C-alpha atoms as a PDB file:
ATOM      1  CA  MET A   1       0.081   8.881  28.483  1.00  0.00           C
ATOM      2  CA  GLY A   2      -0.581   8.352  24.749  1.00  0.00           C
ATOM      3  CA  LEU A   3      -3.411   8.803  22.610  1.00  0.00           C
ATOM      4  CA  PHE A   4      -4.141   5.114  22.075  1.00  0.00           C
ATOM      5  CA  ASP A   5      -3.348   3.832  25.703  1.00  0.00           C
ATOM      6  CA  PHE A   6      -6.843   2.481  25.952  1.00  0.00           C
ATOM      7  CA  LEU A   7      -6.025  -0.190  23.236  1.00  0.00           C
ATOM      8  CA  LYS A   8      -2.832  -1.232  24.780  1.00  0.00           C
ATOM      9  CA  PRO A   9      -2.845  -4.983  25.927  1.00  0.00           C
ATOM     10  CA  LYS A  10      -3.416  -5.580  29.741  1.00  0.00           C
ATOM     11  CA  SER A  11      -0.655  -8.049  29.977  1.00  0.00           C
ATOM     12  CA  ASN A  12       2.762  -6.968  28.764  1.00  0.00           C
ATOM     13  CA  LYS A  13       4.127 -10.464  28.509  1.00  0.00           C
ATOM     14  CA  GLY A  14       7.807  -9.466  28.182  1.00  0.00           C
ATOM     15  CA  GLN A  15       8.965  -6.297  26.739  1.00  0.00           C
ATOM     16  CA  PHE A  16       9.791  -6.580  23.062  1.00  0.00           C
ATOM     17  CA  ILE A  17      11.545  -3.340  22.317  1.00  0.00           C
ATOM     18  CA  SER A  18      13.760  -1.528  24.850  1.00  0.00           C
ATOM     19  CA  GLU A  19      14.048   2.160  24.921  1.00  0.00           C
ATOM     20  CA  ASP A  20      17.530   2.216  23.694  1.00  0.00           C
ATOM     21  CA  SER A  21      16.439   0.086  20.797  1.00  0.00           C
ATOM     22  CA  PHE A  22      13.467   2.138  20.003  1.00  0.00           C
ATOM     23  CA  ILE A  23      15.822   5.162  19.844  1.00  0.00           C
ATOM     24  CA  GLU A  24      18.474   3.391  17.489  1.00  0.00           C
ATOM     25  CA  ASN A  25      15.628   2.261  15.393  1.00  0.00           C
ATOM     26  CA  ARG A  26      14.104   5.659  14.974  1.00  0.00           C
ATOM     27  CA  SER A  27      17.329   7.324  14.212  1.00  0.00           C
ATOM     28  CA  ARG A  28      18.148   4.546  11.394  1.00  0.00           C
ATOM     29  CA  GLN A  29      14.560   5.037   9.914  1.00  0.00           C
ATOM     30  CA  MET A  30      14.914   8.746   9.868  1.00  0.00           C
ATOM     31  CA  GLN A  31      18.331   8.359   8.115  1.00  0.00           C
ATOM     32  CA  MET A  32      16.891   5.680   5.518  1.00  0.00           C
ATOM     33  CA  THR A  33      13.658   7.811   4.834  1.00  0.00           C
ATOM     34  CA  PRO A  34      15.297  10.547   2.712  1.00  0.00           C
ATOM     35  CA  GLN A  35      17.449   7.916   0.699  1.00  0.00           C
ATOM     36  CA  VAL A  36      14.112   6.076  -0.125  1.00  0.00           C
ATOM     37  CA  ILE A  37      12.571   9.413  -1.163  1.00  0.00           C
ATOM     38  CA  GLU A  38      15.702   9.992  -3.403  1.00  0.00           C
ATOM     39  CA  GLN A  39      15.106   6.752  -5.053  1.00  0.00           C
ATOM     40  CA  LEU A  40      11.456   7.408  -5.820  1.00  0.00           C
ATOM     41  CA  ARG A  41      12.626  10.715  -7.319  1.00  0.00           C
ATOM     42  CA  THR A  42      14.838   8.546  -9.820  1.00  0.00           C
ATOM     43  CA  HIS A  43      11.286   6.774 -10.652  1.00  0.00           C
ATOM     44  CA  ASP A  44       9.621  10.265 -11.632  1.00  0.00           C
ATOM     45  CA  VAL A  45       7.973  10.360  -8.225  1.00  0.00           C
ATOM     46  CA  SER A  46       7.637  14.082  -7.278  1.00  0.00           C
ATOM     47  CA  ALA A  47       6.724  15.710  -4.012  1.00  0.00           C
ATOM     48  CA  ASP A  48       3.313  16.711  -5.168  1.00  0.00           C
ATOM     49  CA  LYS A  49       2.373  12.924  -6.023  1.00  0.00           C
ATOM     50  CA  ALA A  50       0.123  11.008  -3.885  1.00  0.00           C
ATOM     51  CA  LEU A  51       1.008   7.394  -2.881  1.00  0.00           C
ATOM     52  CA  LYS A  52      -0.027   4.802  -0.435  1.00  0.00           C
ATOM     53  CA  LEU A  53       2.626   3.501   1.652  1.00  0.00           C
ATOM     54  CA  GLU A  54       3.109  -0.153   2.716  1.00  0.00           C
ATOM     55  CA  TYR A  55       4.164  -0.423   6.366  1.00  0.00           C
ATOM     56  CA  PHE A  56       5.718  -3.248   8.526  1.00  0.00           C
ATOM     57  CA  PHE A  57       5.943  -3.529  12.432  1.00  0.00           C
ATOM     58  CA  TYR A  58       7.041  -6.584  14.394  1.00  0.00           C
ATOM     59  CA  THR A  59       6.305  -7.664  18.189  1.00  0.00           C
ATOM     60  CA  ASN A  60       6.336 -10.787  20.375  1.00  0.00           C
ATOM     61  CA  VAL A  61       2.815 -10.857  21.472  1.00  0.00           C
ATOM     62  CA  GLU A  62      -0.485 -11.277  19.379  1.00  0.00           C
ATOM     63  CA  ASP A  63      -2.549  -8.936  21.804  1.00  0.00           C
ATOM     64  CA  LYS A  64       0.225  -6.231  21.082  1.00  0.00           C
ATOM     65  CA  ALA A  65      -0.106  -6.827  17.261  1.00  0.00           C
ATOM     66  CA  ALA A  66      -4.014  -6.645  17.702  1.00  0.00           C
ATOM     67  CA  SER A  67      -3.648  -3.441  19.664  1.00  0.00           C
ATOM     68  CA  LEU A  68      -1.302  -1.510  17.078  1.00  0.00           C
ATOM     69  CA  ALA A  69      -3.692  -2.802  14.332  1.00  0.00           C
ATOM     70  CA  ALA A  70      -6.613  -1.298  15.801  1.00  0.00           C
ATOM     71  CA  ALA A  71      -4.673   1.977  16.343  1.00  0.00           C
ATOM     72  CA  LEU A  72      -3.595   1.947  12.730  1.00  0.00           C
ATOM     73  CA  GLU A  73      -7.242   1.110  11.580  1.00  0.00           C
ATOM     74  CA  LYS A  74      -8.384   4.232  13.296  1.00  0.00           C
ATOM     75  CA  LEU A  75      -6.112   6.141  10.931  1.00  0.00           C
ATOM     76  CA  ASP A  76      -7.950   4.616   8.104  1.00  0.00           C
ATOM     77  CA  TYR A  77      -4.852   2.283   7.135  1.00  0.00           C
ATOM     78  CA  SER A  78      -5.685  -1.176   5.630  1.00  0.00           C
ATOM     79  CA  VAL A  79      -3.958  -3.586   8.255  1.00  0.00           C
ATOM     80  CA  GLU A  80      -3.598  -7.439   8.815  1.00  0.00           C
ATOM     81  CA  TYR A  81      -1.352  -9.074  11.478  1.00  0.00           C
ATOM     82  CA  GLY A  82      -0.278 -12.626  12.135  1.00  0.00           C
ATOM     83  CA  LEU A  83       2.563 -14.719  12.984  1.00  0.00           C
ATOM     84  CA  SER A  84       5.818 -13.961  11.099  1.00  0.00           C
ATOM     85  CA  GLU A  85       6.569 -16.612   8.283  1.00  0.00           C
ATOM     86  CA  GLY A  86      10.343 -16.563   9.225  1.00  0.00           C
ATOM     87  CA  ASP A  87       9.935 -16.501  13.044  1.00  0.00           C
ATOM     88  CA  SER A  88       7.234 -18.336  15.022  1.00  0.00           C
ATOM     89  CA  ASN A  89       7.895 -16.183  18.110  1.00  0.00           C
ATOM     90  CA  SER A  90       7.257 -12.834  16.470  1.00  0.00           C
ATOM     91  CA  PHE A  91       4.144 -11.191  14.890  1.00  0.00           C
ATOM     92  CA  VAL A  92       4.187  -9.139  11.847  1.00  0.00           C
ATOM     93  CA  ILE A  93       1.693  -6.174  11.301  1.00  0.00           C
ATOM     94  CA  THR A  94       1.513  -4.749   8.036  1.00  0.00           C
ATOM     95  CA  GLY A  95      -1.003  -2.616   5.393  1.00  0.00           C
ATOM     96  CA  TRP A  96      -1.330   0.261   3.552  1.00  0.00           C
ATOM     97  CA  THR A  97      -1.594   3.782   4.253  1.00  0.00           C
ATOM     98  CA  ILE A  98      -4.216   6.265   2.801  1.00  0.00           C
ATOM     99  CA  LYS A  99      -2.554   8.232  -0.121  1.00  0.00           C
ATOM    100  CA  MET A 100      -0.188  10.743   1.124  1.00  0.00           C
ATOM    101  CA  LEU A 101       1.896  13.363  -0.591  1.00  0.00           C
ATOM    102  CA  MET A 102       5.682  12.050  -1.220  1.00  0.00           C
ATOM    103  CA  ASP A 103       7.090  15.513   0.334  1.00  0.00           C
ATOM    104  CA  GLU A 104      10.252  14.617   1.892  1.00  0.00           C
ATOM    105  CA  ASP A 105       9.546  16.447   5.081  1.00  0.00           C
ATOM    106  CA  LEU A 106       6.216  14.885   5.491  1.00  0.00           C
ATOM    107  CA  ILE A 107       7.238  11.348   5.017  1.00  0.00           C
ATOM    108  CA  VAL A 108      10.174  11.832   7.340  1.00  0.00           C
ATOM    109  CA  SER A 109       7.663  13.295   9.937  1.00  0.00           C
ATOM    110  CA  TRP A 110       5.261  10.421   9.210  1.00  0.00           C
ATOM    111  CA  THR A 111       8.045   7.820   9.705  1.00  0.00           C
ATOM    112  CA  LYS A 112       9.070   9.277  13.079  1.00  0.00           C
ATOM    113  CA  GLU A 113       5.051   9.025  14.074  1.00  0.00           C
ATOM    114  CA  MET A 114       5.237   5.396  12.837  1.00  0.00           C
ATOM    115  CA  CYS A 115       8.319   4.616  14.983  1.00  0.00           C
ATOM    116  CA  GLU A 116       6.704   6.379  17.938  1.00  0.00           C
ATOM    117  CA  LEU A 117       3.112   4.593  17.820  1.00  0.00           C
ATOM    118  CA  GLY A 118       4.963   1.189  17.394  1.00  0.00           C
ATOM    119  CA  TYR A 119       6.749   1.890  20.592  1.00  0.00           C
ATOM    120  CA  GLU A 120       3.688   3.145  22.258  1.00  0.00           C
ATOM    121  CA  PHE A 121       2.189  -0.516  21.555  1.00  0.00           C
ATOM    122  CA  ASP A 122       5.792  -2.407  22.040  1.00  0.00           C
ATOM    123  CA  CYS A 123       6.138  -3.017  18.346  1.00  0.00           C
ATOM    124  CA  GLU A 124       9.183  -2.140  16.119  1.00  0.00           C
ATOM    125  CA  PHE A 125       8.516  -0.003  13.102  1.00  0.00           C
ATOM    126  CA  ASP A 126      10.330  -1.806  10.450  1.00  0.00           C
ATOM    127  CA  GLY A 127      10.195   0.616   7.680  1.00  0.00           C
ATOM    128  CA  TRP A 128       8.140   1.328   4.605  1.00  0.00           C
ATOM    129  CA  GLY A 129       7.702   0.871   0.952  1.00  0.00           C
ATOM    130  CA  THR A 130       5.508   1.771  -2.038  1.00  0.00           C
ATOM    131  CA  ASP A 131       4.919   1.226  -5.672  1.00  0.00           C
ATOM    132  CA  PRO A 132       5.649   4.335  -7.690  1.00  0.00           C
ATOM    133  CA  ASP A 133       3.080   3.113 -10.341  1.00  0.00           C
ATOM    134  CA  GLN A 134      -0.247   3.190  -8.143  1.00  0.00           C
ATOM    135  CA  ASP A 135      -3.300   4.547  -9.885  1.00  0.00           C
END
């Protein structure tokens, strides 16, 4: 039972992410994150610099998007969700985290947590980005 189970929608309306898909995506995200951090280093973003991260999730039902959005708001993240512009059968959940240190281990751990949080709500974590020139 997950921490945010009380927020899960009552009706599943069809599974969006299979366990195999979740495992593959989490593995891919864990491989990509160090590469993104390496790119940030080329833009003079050191491990002790704190930045907000923009994140992205997808799912197939608005209730699932709303439930994940509520869980992300509890983390003090900005969040919005709605129909995906490119696919009227999916919903996108996006927003910005609070500032966090760009330490590779910390960001890899956060990425894993986002993959798992998404899976709890039958949403797929689609990665993150940032702007190295934030104030």
